[in-house]
Amino acid sequence: MELELRHLRALVAIADAHSLVRAAKALHVSQPALSGLLRRVERSVGGNLFVRSPTGCVPTMLGEDVVADARAVLAGMSALTERAGARRKSAGAVRLGGYSGFLHLALARWLRDQPWCPSVRVHEEQDEARTLTALADGELDLALIYLAPLPDRIVPDGIESVVLQAREPVFAILAEDHPLASHGEIPLEELAAYPWADDPPWTTRWSAYLHEVCRRRGVVLDQPHRPQCLATLLDLVREGMAVAPALATREDRQDGIVVRAIEDAPLWQELRLCCRPGTAVAERASEISHRVACDYANRQGCSAAFDRWWQAPLPAGA
């Protein structure tokens, strides 16, 4: 007789329960049926596996070896089943990439609750070109990206994109006790009088755009700080050591930092939703776009700067 998984489970149950009666109850079978199964297994392996003792049913030396092997096989099968389940779950996961601050997490939460989305994996990358390459290569399914208004085209052929905000302003963040914090809107020229924390000049599309705008306006930024992570940038701002650009959806007065509009909105970006055609995500692009629009509307109150922009009438023809 070839041993099957049910035989191995029975042996382990008997060893753990120290009783045929208790093991049968745990396995939801009758005690005579379990006794008969044990006898067939013992004939197959060529010896007794359990003996009665004052402490109950205990394994023989042969039984200890067989039970140990049974445990190893069952553990291996359990691990194999778990890995297969994880692979199935991973295969259906929506991989959300890009960098869009509050909107990134808000969209991930919404996706997580959709019946067609088994799970969500969030991949954050500030470099929009890398995000688009990952999307085109099949490493991502969906991306929220900001594009600086530069003439070069970086959205690859074969990628579908929807413009969610054609001209989202870039705001500034300052320490709440900064000399400029009392202003409702701050001229770019006045911000430039203070140390600026941002991407190193000319290293990203954003930094190229920023410095081109400053050049056109005759503004020179003092940029002594080049933080590599958002936490460091925020610490520099909070300590009054720098001012920095911020997404329009950033929350005001968060941990000693305030959000202020830049006068006349000289800096702006385009927010896009990108996906590959022919995918489950692409089929729901309009639904996802509507969700982001709702998140924008629900963001009112995050700062006075956001509210003024969001509630302002659209220009004629927009």
Protein backbone atom coordinates (compact mmCIF):
# COMPACT_ATOMS: atom_id res chain seq x y z
CA MET A 1 0.00 0.00 0.00
CA GLU A 2 1.32 3.43 -0.91
CA LEU A 3 1.11 5.96 1.89
CA GLU A 4 -1.07 8.99 1.23
CA LEU A 5 -1.29 12.36 2.94
CA ARG A 6 -4.34 11.22 4.91
CA HIS A 7 -2.26 8.37 6.37
CA LEU A 8 0.49 10.79 7.39
CA ARG A 9 -2.02 13.15 8.99
CA ALA A 10 -3.49 10.25 10.95
CA LEU A 11 -0.07 9.20 12.30
CA VAL A 12 0.75 12.76 13.39
CA ALA A 13 -2.69 13.12 15.02
CA ILE A 14 -2.20 9.92 17.02
CA ALA A 15 1.29 10.99 18.12
CA ASP A 16 0.03 14.44 19.19
CA ALA A 17 -3.10 13.17 20.97
CA HIS A 18 -1.44 10.11 22.65
CA SER A 19 -4.80 8.41 22.12
CA LEU A 20 -6.62 6.72 19.26
CA VAL A 21 -9.93 7.96 20.63
CA ARG A 22 -8.85 11.61 20.84
CA ALA A 23 -7.08 11.42 17.49
CA ALA A 24 -10.19 9.97 15.84
CA LYS A 25 -12.26 12.81 17.28
CA ALA A 26 -9.78 15.41 15.98
CA LEU A 27 -9.84 13.78 12.51
CA HIS A 28 -13.64 13.47 12.54
CA VAL A 29 -13.55 9.69 11.98
CA SER A 30 -14.61 6.76 14.14
CA GLN A 31 -12.09 5.07 16.42
CA PRO A 32 -12.50 1.66 14.69
CA ALA A 33 -11.89 3.30 11.30
CA LEU A 34 -8.71 4.96 12.59
CA SER A 35 -7.53 1.68 14.17
CA GLY A 36 -8.05 -0.11 10.85
CA LEU A 37 -6.10 2.60 8.99
CA LEU A 38 -3.24 2.35 11.49
CA ARG A 39 -3.04 -1.44 11.06
CA ARG A 40 -2.83 -1.05 7.26
CA VAL A 41 -0.06 1.52 7.58
CA GLU A 42 1.86 -0.71 10.01
CA ARG A 43 1.64 -3.62 7.57
CA SER A 44 2.93 -1.33 4.83
CA VAL A 45 5.98 -0.15 6.82
CA GLY A 46 6.66 -3.57 8.35
CA GLY A 47 6.26 -3.00 12.10
CA ASN A 48 4.27 -1.54 14.97
CA LEU A 49 4.25 2.24 15.10
CA PHE A 50 2.47 2.78 18.44
CA VAL A 51 2.15 0.86 21.70
CA ARG A 52 -0.09 1.35 24.73
CA SER A 53 1.58 2.72 27.87
CA PRO A 54 0.50 4.25 31.19
CA THR A 55 0.71 7.68 29.52
CA GLY A 56 -1.41 6.62 26.55
CA CYS A 57 -0.55 5.67 22.98
CA VAL A 58 3.16 6.34 22.34
CA PRO A 59 5.28 5.72 19.23
CA THR A 60 7.81 2.93 19.00
CA MET A 61 11.32 3.67 17.75
CA LEU A 62 10.10 2.88 14.23
CA GLY A 63 7.03 4.99 14.90
CA GLU A 64 9.14 7.98 15.97
CA ASP A 65 11.07 7.84 12.68
CA VAL A 66 7.92 7.47 10.58
CA VAL A 67 6.08 10.24 12.43
CA ALA A 68 9.10 12.56 12.04
CA ASP A 69 9.13 11.87 8.29
CA ALA A 70 5.36 12.41 8.17
CA ARG A 71 5.70 15.80 9.86
CA ALA A 72 8.40 16.85 7.39
CA VAL A 73 6.30 15.83 4.38
CA LEU A 74 3.20 17.60 5.71
CA ALA A 75 5.18 20.75 6.49
CA GLY A 76 6.61 20.73 2.98
CA MET A 77 3.17 20.31 1.46
CA SER A 78 1.83 23.15 3.60
CA ALA A 79 4.64 25.46 2.51
CA LEU A 80 4.08 24.48 -1.12
CA THR A 81 0.37 25.28 -0.84
CA GLU A 82 1.09 28.65 0.80
CA ARG A 83 3.58 29.59 -1.91
CA ALA A 84 1.13 28.61 -4.64
CA GLY A 85 -1.56 30.74 -2.99
CA ALA A 86 0.84 33.67 -2.70
CA ARG A 87 1.74 33.34 -6.38
CA ARG A 88 -1.93 33.33 -7.36
CA LYS A 89 -2.56 36.39 -5.24
CA SER A 90 0.53 38.17 -6.57
CA ALA A 91 -0.44 37.40 -10.16
CA GLY A 92 -3.67 39.31 -9.71
CA ALA A 93 -2.19 42.24 -7.77
CA VAL A 94 -2.43 45.71 -9.25
CA ARG A 95 1.01 47.32 -9.17
CA LEU A 96 0.60 51.06 -8.73
CA GLY A 97 3.63 53.20 -9.48
CA GLY A 98 4.62 56.83 -9.72
CA TYR A 99 4.74 59.65 -7.23
CA SER A 100 1.76 61.81 -6.37
CA GLY A 101 1.78 62.30 -2.61
CA PHE A 102 -1.63 62.01 -0.95
CA LEU A 103 -3.32 60.85 -4.16
CA HIS A 104 -1.01 57.84 -4.45
CA LEU A 105 -2.14 56.34 -1.15
CA ALA A 106 -5.76 57.40 -1.60
CA LEU A 107 -5.94 55.55 -4.93
CA ALA A 108 -4.22 52.49 -3.44
CA ARG A 109 -6.80 52.35 -0.65
CA TRP A 110 -9.65 52.57 -3.14
CA LEU A 111 -8.16 49.88 -5.40
CA ARG A 112 -7.75 47.57 -2.41
CA ASP A 113 -11.50 47.66 -1.82
CA GLN A 114 -12.54 46.91 -5.40
CA PRO A 115 -13.89 43.38 -6.08
CA TRP A 116 -11.86 43.10 -9.30
CA CYS A 117 -8.57 43.93 -7.53
CA PRO A 118 -7.22 41.01 -5.40
CA SER A 119 -4.50 43.19 -3.86
CA VAL A 120 -2.42 46.32 -4.43
CA ARG A 121 1.33 46.78 -4.53
CA VAL A 122 2.55 50.36 -4.21
CA HIS A 123 5.80 51.28 -5.98
CA GLU A 124 6.95 54.85 -5.35
CA GLU A 125 9.41 56.48 -7.75
CA GLN A 126 9.95 60.23 -8.12
CA ASP A 127 11.56 59.91 -11.55
CA GLU A 128 8.61 59.81 -13.94
CA ALA A 129 10.76 58.51 -16.80
CA ARG A 130 11.69 55.41 -14.77
CA THR A 131 8.07 54.88 -13.82
CA LEU A 132 6.96 55.02 -17.46
CA THR A 133 9.72 52.61 -18.49
CA ALA A 134 8.62 50.15 -15.79
CA LEU A 135 5.02 50.49 -16.97
CA ALA A 136 5.99 49.86 -20.61
CA ASP A 137 8.10 46.85 -19.57
CA GLY A 138 5.18 45.26 -17.69
CA GLU A 139 6.65 45.81 -14.23
CA LEU A 140 3.74 48.12 -13.31
CA ASP A 141 0.05 48.09 -14.19
CA LEU A 142 -0.90 51.66 -13.38
CA ALA A 143 0.90 54.90 -12.61
CA LEU A 144 0.09 58.39 -11.34
CA ILE A 145 2.80 60.75 -12.52
CA TYR A 146 3.51 64.47 -12.65
CA LEU A 147 4.98 65.84 -15.86
CA ALA A 148 6.77 69.18 -15.89
CA PRO A 149 5.72 71.28 -18.92
CA LEU A 150 8.78 70.66 -21.07
CA PRO A 151 8.77 70.11 -24.84
CA ASP A 152 10.32 66.63 -24.79
CA ARG A 153 7.92 63.68 -25.02
CA ILE A 154 8.61 60.94 -22.46
CA VAL A 155 5.40 58.89 -22.52
CA PRO A 156 6.38 55.76 -24.51
CA ASP A 157 4.41 54.56 -27.50
CA GLY A 158 1.87 51.93 -26.47
CA ILE A 159 1.10 53.57 -23.13
CA GLU A 160 -2.33 55.10 -22.64
CA SER A 161 -2.58 58.20 -20.48
CA VAL A 162 -5.39 60.39 -19.18
CA VAL A 163 -4.77 63.97 -18.09
CA LEU A 164 -6.27 64.33 -14.62
CA GLN A 165 -5.07 67.88 -13.96
CA ALA A 166 -3.76 69.85 -16.90
CA ARG A 167 -2.23 72.65 -14.84
CA GLU A 168 -1.82 71.85 -11.16
CA PRO A 169 0.08 74.62 -9.35
CA VAL A 170 3.20 73.93 -7.35
CA PHE A 171 3.06 75.43 -3.87
CA ALA A 172 5.81 76.12 -1.33
CA ILE A 173 6.28 74.77 2.19
CA LEU A 174 7.85 76.75 5.02
CA ALA A 175 8.29 76.51 8.76
CA GLU A 176 5.20 77.94 10.47
CA ASP A 177 7.38 80.64 12.11
CA HIS A 178 9.19 81.53 8.86
CA PRO A 179 9.20 85.29 8.04
CA LEU A 180 7.19 84.59 4.85
CA ALA A 181 4.63 82.32 6.53
CA SER A 182 2.29 85.24 7.20
CA HIS A 183 1.82 85.80 3.46
CA GLY A 184 -1.20 84.27 1.71
CA GLU A 185 0.77 84.10 -1.53
CA ILE A 186 4.52 84.53 -1.88
CA PRO A 187 6.33 85.91 -4.94
CA LEU A 188 8.92 83.50 -6.33
CA GLU A 189 11.50 86.28 -6.06
CA GLU A 190 10.97 86.48 -2.29
CA LEU A 191 11.19 82.70 -1.86
CA ALA A 192 14.49 82.77 -3.74
CA ALA A 193 15.96 84.95 -1.00
CA TYR A 194 15.95 81.90 1.30
CA PRO A 195 17.79 78.56 1.02
CA TRP A 196 15.91 76.15 -1.22
CA ALA A 197 15.80 72.35 -0.77
CA ASP A 198 15.06 70.30 -3.87
CA ASP A 199 16.48 67.95 -6.51
CA PRO A 200 20.05 68.83 -7.51
CA PRO A 201 19.94 71.36 -10.38
CA TRP A 202 19.54 69.88 -13.89
CA THR A 203 19.45 66.27 -12.66
CA THR A 204 15.71 65.68 -13.23
CA ARG A 205 13.07 67.02 -15.61
CA TRP A 206 11.54 68.92 -12.69
CA SER A 207 14.84 70.61 -11.77
CA ALA A 208 15.43 71.53 -15.41
CA TYR A 209 11.96 73.06 -15.61
CA LEU A 210 12.35 74.91 -12.29
CA HIS A 211 15.61 76.51 -13.29
CA GLU A 212 14.31 77.42 -16.73
CA VAL A 213 11.37 79.26 -15.11
CA CYS A 214 13.74 81.00 -12.71
CA ARG A 215 16.01 82.00 -15.60
CA ARG A 216 13.12 83.53 -17.51
CA ARG A 217 12.06 85.51 -14.43
CA GLY A 218 15.59 86.62 -13.59
CA VAL A 219 15.57 84.66 -10.32
CA VAL A 220 18.59 82.82 -8.94
CA LEU A 221 17.85 80.07 -6.40
CA ASP A 222 20.20 79.51 -3.49
CA GLN A 223 20.11 75.72 -3.22
CA PRO A 224 22.63 74.55 -0.61
CA HIS A 225 20.55 71.52 0.41
CA ARG A 226 20.11 68.42 -1.74
CA PRO A 227 18.22 65.91 0.41
CA GLN A 228 17.80 62.37 -0.88
CA CYS A 229 14.55 61.58 0.93
CA LEU A 230 11.36 63.41 1.79
CA ALA A 231 11.87 63.06 5.57
CA THR A 232 15.16 64.96 5.42
CA LEU A 233 13.64 67.68 3.25
CA LEU A 234 10.77 68.15 5.70
CA ASP A 235 13.18 68.32 8.64
CA LEU A 236 15.14 71.08 6.87
CA VAL A 237 11.92 73.03 6.27
CA ARG A 238 10.61 72.46 9.80
CA GLU A 239 13.87 73.75 11.30
CA GLY A 240 13.68 76.90 9.17
CA MET A 241 16.80 75.92 7.25
CA ALA A 242 15.05 75.83 3.87
CA VAL A 243 11.90 76.41 1.87
CA ALA A 244 10.83 73.84 -0.71
CA PRO A 245 8.28 73.13 -3.45
CA ALA A 246 5.20 71.09 -2.56
CA LEU A 247 2.35 69.32 -4.28
CA ALA A 248 -0.94 71.19 -4.25
CA THR A 249 -2.60 68.43 -2.20
CA ARG A 250 -0.18 68.68 0.72
CA GLU A 251 -1.82 69.29 4.09
CA ASP A 252 -1.20 72.66 5.78
CA ARG A 253 0.15 73.03 9.32
CA GLN A 254 1.38 69.47 9.53
CA ASP A 255 4.11 69.10 12.16
CA GLY A 256 5.11 72.74 12.15
CA ILE A 257 5.05 73.18 8.34
CA VAL A 258 2.71 75.47 6.40
CA VAL A 259 1.71 75.45 2.73
CA ARG A 260 1.65 78.68 0.75
CA ALA A 261 0.75 79.47 -2.86
CA ILE A 262 3.39 81.04 -5.09
CA GLU A 263 2.10 84.32 -6.50
CA ASP A 264 0.77 84.07 -10.09
CA ALA A 265 1.45 80.28 -10.08
CA PRO A 266 4.67 80.43 -12.14
CA LEU A 267 5.35 76.74 -11.47
CA TRP A 268 2.88 74.02 -12.44
CA GLN A 269 2.74 70.37 -13.50
CA GLU A 270 0.44 68.06 -15.40
CA LEU A 271 -0.94 65.06 -13.53
CA ARG A 272 -1.58 61.95 -15.61
CA LEU A 273 -2.95 58.47 -15.08
CA CYS A 274 -1.02 55.99 -17.24
CA CYS A 275 -1.62 52.31 -18.04
CA ARG A 276 -1.00 49.68 -20.72
CA PRO A 277 -3.85 49.09 -23.18
CA GLY A 278 -5.68 45.77 -23.14
CA THR A 279 -5.33 45.25 -19.39
CA ALA A 280 -8.00 45.02 -16.68
CA VAL A 281 -6.79 48.37 -15.35
CA ALA A 282 -7.07 50.04 -18.77
CA GLU A 283 -10.66 48.84 -19.08
CA ARG A 284 -11.44 50.73 -15.87
CA ALA A 285 -9.39 53.86 -16.61
CA SER A 286 -12.45 56.12 -16.64
CA GLU A 287 -13.63 54.69 -13.32
CA ILE A 288 -10.19 55.20 -11.80
CA SER A 289 -9.99 58.74 -13.17
CA HIS A 290 -13.35 59.52 -11.58
CA ARG A 291 -12.02 58.18 -8.28
CA VAL A 292 -9.04 60.53 -8.38
CA ALA A 293 -11.36 63.44 -9.18
CA CYS A 294 -13.39 62.55 -6.06
CA ASP A 295 -10.19 62.45 -4.00
CA TYR A 296 -9.36 65.95 -5.24
CA ALA A 297 -12.79 67.23 -4.24
CA ASN A 298 -12.51 65.57 -0.82
CA ARG A 299 -9.13 67.24 -0.29
CA GLN A 300 -10.75 70.64 0.22
CA GLY A 301 -9.72 72.04 3.56
CA CYS A 302 -6.18 70.66 3.41
CA SER A 303 -4.87 74.21 2.94
CA ALA A 304 -6.16 77.68 2.09
CA ALA A 305 -3.91 77.64 -0.98
CA PHE A 306 -5.56 74.46 -2.27
CA ASP A 307 -9.06 75.74 -1.61
CA ARG A 308 -8.44 79.01 -3.47
CA TRP A 309 -7.09 77.12 -6.47
CA TRP A 310 -9.75 74.39 -6.43
CA GLN A 311 -12.63 76.79 -6.09
CA ALA A 312 -11.40 79.36 -8.61
CA PRO A 313 -13.47 79.62 -11.81
CA LEU A 314 -12.01 77.84 -14.82
CA PRO A 315 -10.53 80.10 -17.49
CA ALA A 316 -12.71 80.68 -20.54
CA GLY A 317 -12.38 77.80 -22.99
CA ALA A 318 -10.92 75.41 -20.41
